[in-house]
């Protein structure tokens, strides 16, 4: 499972949360499970129109 976002969105999310692009990428790939990862995934879907794919 993964959340796909448009180009540049990972950098925007990373800047908003004060974390690295890599952390955002891992969260969107569901490779980490934490409060921050859940917030990143929620924001990607709700605010940046990310799409969850299997």
PDB file of N, CA and C in Angstrom:
ATOM      1  N   UNK A   1       0.854  -1.179   0.000  1.00  0.00           N
ATOM      2  CA  UNK A   1       0.000   0.000   0.000  1.00  0.00           C
ATOM      3  C   UNK A   1       0.897   1.239   0.000  1.00  0.00           C
ATOM      4  N   UNK A   2       0.405   2.277  -0.639  1.00  0.00           N
ATOM      5  CA  UNK A   2       1.190   3.498  -0.778  1.00  0.00           C
ATOM      6  C   UNK A   2       0.247   4.662  -1.072  1.00  0.00           C
ATOM      7  N   UNK A   3       0.673   5.857  -0.747  1.00  0.00           N
ATOM      8  CA  UNK A   3      -0.080   7.062  -1.086  1.00  0.00           C
ATOM      9  C   UNK A   3       0.727   7.827  -2.126  1.00  0.00           C
ATOM     10  N   UNK A   4       0.122   8.048  -3.273  1.00  0.00           N
ATOM     11  CA  UNK A   4       0.781   8.771  -4.356  1.00  0.00           C
ATOM     12  C   UNK A   4       0.381  10.239  -4.309  1.00  0.00           C
ATOM     13  N   UNK A   5       1.372  11.114  -4.469  1.00  0.00           N
ATOM     14  CA  UNK A   5       1.126  12.556  -4.484  1.00  0.00           C
ATOM     15  C   UNK A   5       1.828  13.163  -5.701  1.00  0.00           C
ATOM     16  N   UNK A   6       1.418  14.363  -6.065  1.00  0.00           N
ATOM     17  CA  UNK A   6       2.026  15.048  -7.195  1.00  0.00           C
ATOM     18  C   UNK A   6       3.454  15.463  -6.874  1.00  0.00           C
ATOM     19  N   UNK A   7       4.190  15.745  -7.931  1.00  0.00           N
ATOM     20  CA  UNK A   7       5.586  16.152  -7.809  1.00  0.00           C
ATOM     21  C   UNK A   7       5.709  17.404  -6.935  1.00  0.00           C
ATOM     22  N   UNK A   8       6.635  17.377  -6.004  1.00  0.00           N
ATOM     23  CA  UNK A   8       6.884  18.521  -5.141  1.00  0.00           C
ATOM     24  C   UNK A   8       6.127  18.509  -3.827  1.00  0.00           C
ATOM     25  N   UNK A   9       5.139  17.658  -3.711  1.00  0.00           N
ATOM     26  CA  UNK A   9       4.315  17.621  -2.498  1.00  0.00           C
ATOM     27  C   UNK A   9       5.104  17.090  -1.306  1.00  0.00           C
ATOM     28  N   UNK A  10       5.966  16.112  -1.522  1.00  0.00           N
ATOM     29  CA  UNK A  10       6.758  15.558  -0.414  1.00  0.00           C
ATOM     30  C   UNK A  10       7.604  16.651   0.234  1.00  0.00           C
ATOM     31  N   UNK A  11       8.211  17.502  -0.588  1.00  0.00           N
ATOM     32  CA  UNK A  11       9.030  18.595  -0.052  1.00  0.00           C
ATOM     33  C   UNK A  11       8.179  19.578   0.746  1.00  0.00           C
ATOM     34  N   UNK A  12       6.972  19.875   0.253  1.00  0.00           N
ATOM     35  CA  UNK A  12       6.076  20.795   0.962  1.00  0.00           C
ATOM     36  C   UNK A  12       5.676  20.225   2.320  1.00  0.00           C
ATOM     37  N   UNK A  13       5.324  18.945   2.341  1.00  0.00           N
ATOM     38  CA  UNK A  13       4.923  18.306   3.597  1.00  0.00           C
ATOM     39  C   UNK A  13       6.102  18.268   4.568  1.00  0.00           C
ATOM     40  N   UNK A  14       7.281  17.944   4.050  1.00  0.00           N
ATOM     41  CA  UNK A  14       8.474  17.896   4.899  1.00  0.00           C
ATOM     42  C   UNK A  14       8.740  19.256   5.530  1.00  0.00           C
ATOM     43  N   UNK A  15       8.592  20.301   4.757  1.00  0.00           N
ATOM     44  CA  UNK A  15       8.819  21.651   5.272  1.00  0.00           C
ATOM     45  C   UNK A  15       7.782  22.004   6.344  1.00  0.00           C
ATOM     46  N   UNK A  16       6.526  21.641   6.123  1.00  0.00           N
ATOM     47  CA  UNK A  16       5.465  21.936   7.089  1.00  0.00           C
ATOM     48  C   UNK A  16       5.696  21.223   8.426  1.00  0.00           C
ATOM     49  N   UNK A  17       6.188  19.988   8.376  1.00  0.00           N
ATOM     50  CA  UNK A  17       6.393  19.215   9.597  1.00  0.00           C
ATOM     51  C   UNK A  17       7.806  19.327  10.149  1.00  0.00           C
ATOM     52  N   UNK A  18       8.698  19.980   9.413  1.00  0.00           N
ATOM     53  CA  UNK A  18      10.072  20.119   9.878  1.00  0.00           C
ATOM     54  C   UNK A  18      10.822  18.802   9.898  1.00  0.00           C
ATOM     55  N   UNK A  19      10.587  17.969   8.889  1.00  0.00           N
ATOM     56  CA  UNK A  19      11.274  16.683   8.812  1.00  0.00           C
ATOM     57  C   UNK A  19      11.885  16.533   7.418  1.00  0.00           C
ATOM     58  N   UNK A  20      12.515  15.404   7.160  1.00  0.00           N
ATOM     59  CA  UNK A  20      13.183  15.204   5.874  1.00  0.00           C
ATOM     60  C   UNK A  20      12.220  14.653   4.825  1.00  0.00           C
ATOM     61  N   UNK A  21      12.611  14.818   3.558  1.00  0.00           N
ATOM     62  CA  UNK A  21      11.837  14.247   2.451  1.00  0.00           C
ATOM     63  C   UNK A  21      11.769  12.730   2.593  1.00  0.00           C
ATOM     64  N   UNK A  22      12.858  12.154   3.089  1.00  0.00           N
ATOM     65  CA  UNK A  22      12.917  10.696   3.249  1.00  0.00           C
ATOM     66  C   UNK A  22      11.883  10.215   4.262  1.00  0.00           C
ATOM     67  N   UNK A  23      11.719  10.946   5.362  1.00  0.00           N
ATOM     68  CA  UNK A  23      10.711  10.568   6.359  1.00  0.00           C
ATOM     69  C   UNK A  23       9.320  10.598   5.745  1.00  0.00           C
ATOM     70  N   UNK A  24       9.062  11.614   4.940  1.00  0.00           N
ATOM     71  CA  UNK A  24       7.758  11.725   4.283  1.00  0.00           C
ATOM     72  C   UNK A  24       7.561  10.552   3.330  1.00  0.00           C
ATOM     73  N   UNK A  25       8.580  10.244   2.547  1.00  0.00           N
ATOM     74  CA  UNK A  25       8.490   9.123   1.605  1.00  0.00           C
ATOM     75  C   UNK A  25       8.214   7.803   2.299  1.00  0.00           C
ATOM     76  N   UNK A  26       8.915   7.554   3.395  1.00  0.00           N
ATOM     77  CA  UNK A  26       8.701   6.310   4.140  1.00  0.00           C
ATOM     78  C   UNK A  26       7.299   6.254   4.740  1.00  0.00           C
ATOM     79  N   UNK A  27       6.808   7.386   5.213  1.00  0.00           N
ATOM     80  CA  UNK A  27       5.453   7.427   5.770  1.00  0.00           C
ATOM     81  C   UNK A  27       4.416   7.141   4.677  1.00  0.00           C
ATOM     82  N   UNK A  28       4.620   7.723   3.489  1.00  0.00           N
ATOM     83  CA  UNK A  28       3.662   7.524   2.401  1.00  0.00           C
ATOM     84  C   UNK A  28       3.708   6.103   1.845  1.00  0.00           C
ATOM     85  N   UNK A  29       4.812   5.406   2.084  1.00  0.00           N
ATOM     86  CA  UNK A  29       4.931   4.009   1.665  1.00  0.00           C
ATOM     87  C   UNK A  29       4.515   3.048   2.780  1.00  0.00           C
ATOM     88  N   UNK A  30       4.055   3.601   3.912  1.00  0.00           N
ATOM     89  CA  UNK A  30       3.623   2.817   5.079  1.00  0.00           C
ATOM     90  C   UNK A  30       4.756   1.960   5.630  1.00  0.00           C
ATOM     91  N   UNK A  31       6.009   2.431   5.521  1.00  0.00           N
ATOM     92  CA  UNK A  31       7.151   1.679   6.040  1.00  0.00           C
ATOM     93  C   UNK A  31       7.460   2.057   7.486  1.00  0.00           C
ATOM     94  N   UNK A  32       6.864   3.137   7.968  1.00  0.00           N
ATOM     95  CA  UNK A  32       7.002   3.529   9.372  1.00  0.00           C
ATOM     96  C   UNK A  32       5.610   3.774   9.936  1.00  0.00           C
ATOM     97  N   UNK A  33       5.489   3.554  11.234  1.00  0.00           N
ATOM     98  CA  UNK A  33       4.209   3.763  11.916  1.00  0.00           C
ATOM     99  C   UNK A  33       4.472   4.587  13.161  1.00  0.00           C
ATOM    100  N   UNK A  34       4.056   5.841  13.124  1.00  0.00           N
ATOM    101  CA  UNK A  34       4.224   6.750  14.258  1.00  0.00           C
ATOM    102  C   UNK A  34       3.154   7.826  14.152  1.00  0.00           C
ATOM    103  N   UNK A  35       3.066   8.668  15.177  1.00  0.00           N
ATOM    104  CA  UNK A  35       2.109   9.779  15.125  1.00  0.00           C
ATOM    105  C   UNK A  35       2.416  10.692  13.949  1.00  0.00           C
ATOM    106  N   UNK A  36       3.700  10.987  13.751  1.00  0.00           N
ATOM    107  CA  UNK A  36       4.095  11.853  12.642  1.00  0.00           C
ATOM    108  C   UNK A  36       3.736  11.220  11.303  1.00  0.00           C
ATOM    109  N   UNK A  37       3.985   9.933  11.155  1.00  0.00           N
ATOM    110  CA  UNK A  37       3.671   9.246   9.892  1.00  0.00           C
ATOM    111  C   UNK A  37       2.170   9.308   9.606  1.00  0.00           C
ATOM    112  N   UNK A  38       1.362   9.102  10.639  1.00  0.00           N
ATOM    113  CA  UNK A  38      -0.100   9.166  10.449  1.00  0.00           C
ATOM    114  C   UNK A  38      -0.534  10.575  10.043  1.00  0.00           C
ATOM    115  N   UNK A  39       0.069  11.594  10.653  1.00  0.00           N
ATOM    116  CA  UNK A  39      -0.258  12.985  10.299  1.00  0.00           C
ATOM    117  C   UNK A  39       0.155  13.295   8.866  1.00  0.00           C
ATOM    118  N   UNK A  40       1.320  12.790   8.469  1.00  0.00           N
ATOM    119  CA  UNK A  40       1.795  13.007   7.098  1.00  0.00           C
ATOM    120  C   UNK A  40       0.830  12.369   6.106  1.00  0.00           C
ATOM    121  N   UNK A  41       0.427  11.136   6.361  1.00  0.00           N
ATOM    122  CA  UNK A  41      -0.503  10.447   5.449  1.00  0.00           C
ATOM    123  C   UNK A  41      -1.851  11.164   5.382  1.00  0.00           C
ATOM    124  N   UNK A  42      -2.348  11.593   6.535  1.00  0.00           N
ATOM    125  CA  UNK A  42      -3.624  12.307   6.572  1.00  0.00           C
ATOM    126  C   UNK A  42      -3.536  13.596   5.751  1.00  0.00           C
ATOM    127  N   UNK A  43      -2.471  14.364   5.951  1.00  0.00           N
ATOM    128  CA  UNK A  43      -2.306  15.617   5.222  1.00  0.00           C
ATOM    129  C   UNK A  43      -2.161  15.370   3.718  1.00  0.00           C
ATOM    130  N   UNK A  44      -1.427  14.329   3.362  1.00  0.00           N
ATOM    131  CA  UNK A  44      -1.222  14.018   1.942  1.00  0.00           C
ATOM    132  C   UNK A  44      -2.556  13.750   1.243  1.00  0.00           C
ATOM    133  N   UNK A  45      -3.440  13.036   1.921  1.00  0.00           N
ATOM    134  CA  UNK A  45      -4.735  12.697   1.317  1.00  0.00           C
ATOM    135  C   UNK A  45      -5.694  13.886   1.356  1.00  0.00           C
ATOM    136  N   UNK A  46      -5.859  14.489   2.520  1.00  0.00           N
ATOM    137  CA  UNK A  46      -6.865  15.551   2.689  1.00  0.00           C
ATOM    138  C   UNK A  46      -6.474  16.870   2.063  1.00  0.00           C
ATOM    139  N   UNK A  47      -5.238  17.322   2.265  1.00  0.00           N
ATOM    140  CA  UNK A  47      -4.834  18.647   1.821  1.00  0.00           C
ATOM    141  C   UNK A  47      -4.179  18.680   0.448  1.00  0.00           C
ATOM    142  N   UNK A  48      -3.544  17.561   0.060  1.00  0.00           N
ATOM    143  CA  UNK A  48      -2.802  17.544  -1.206  1.00  0.00           C
ATOM    144  C   UNK A  48      -3.367  16.558  -2.212  1.00  0.00           C
ATOM    145  N   UNK A  49      -4.556  16.026  -1.948  1.00  0.00           N
ATOM    146  CA  UNK A  49      -5.261  15.131  -2.864  1.00  0.00           C
ATOM    147  C   UNK A  49      -4.455  13.902  -3.252  1.00  0.00           C
ATOM    148  N   UNK A  50      -3.755  13.330  -2.265  1.00  0.00           N
ATOM    149  CA  UNK A  50      -3.023  12.093  -2.502  1.00  0.00           C
ATOM    150  C   UNK A  50      -3.982  10.948  -2.717  1.00  0.00           C
ATOM    151  N   UNK A  51      -3.515   9.915  -3.423  1.00  0.00           N
ATOM    152  CA  UNK A  51      -4.347   8.759  -3.745  1.00  0.00           C
ATOM    153  C   UNK A  51      -3.715   7.505  -3.158  1.00  0.00           C
ATOM    154  N   UNK A  52      -4.501   6.750  -2.397  1.00  0.00           N
ATOM    155  CA  UNK A  52      -4.015   5.510  -1.799  1.00  0.00           C
ATOM    156  C   UNK A  52      -4.151   4.389  -2.817  1.00  0.00           C
ATOM    157  N   UNK A  53      -3.048   3.667  -3.062  1.00  0.00           N
ATOM    158  CA  UNK A  53      -3.056   2.552  -4.015  1.00  0.00           C
ATOM    159  C   UNK A  53      -2.498   1.309  -3.335  1.00  0.00           C
ATOM    160  N   UNK A  54      -2.885   0.154  -3.838  1.00  0.00           N
ATOM    161  CA  UNK A  54      -2.393  -1.132  -3.276  1.00  0.00           C
ATOM    162  C   UNK A  54      -1.175  -1.614  -3.984  1.00  0.00           C
TER     163      UNK A  54
END
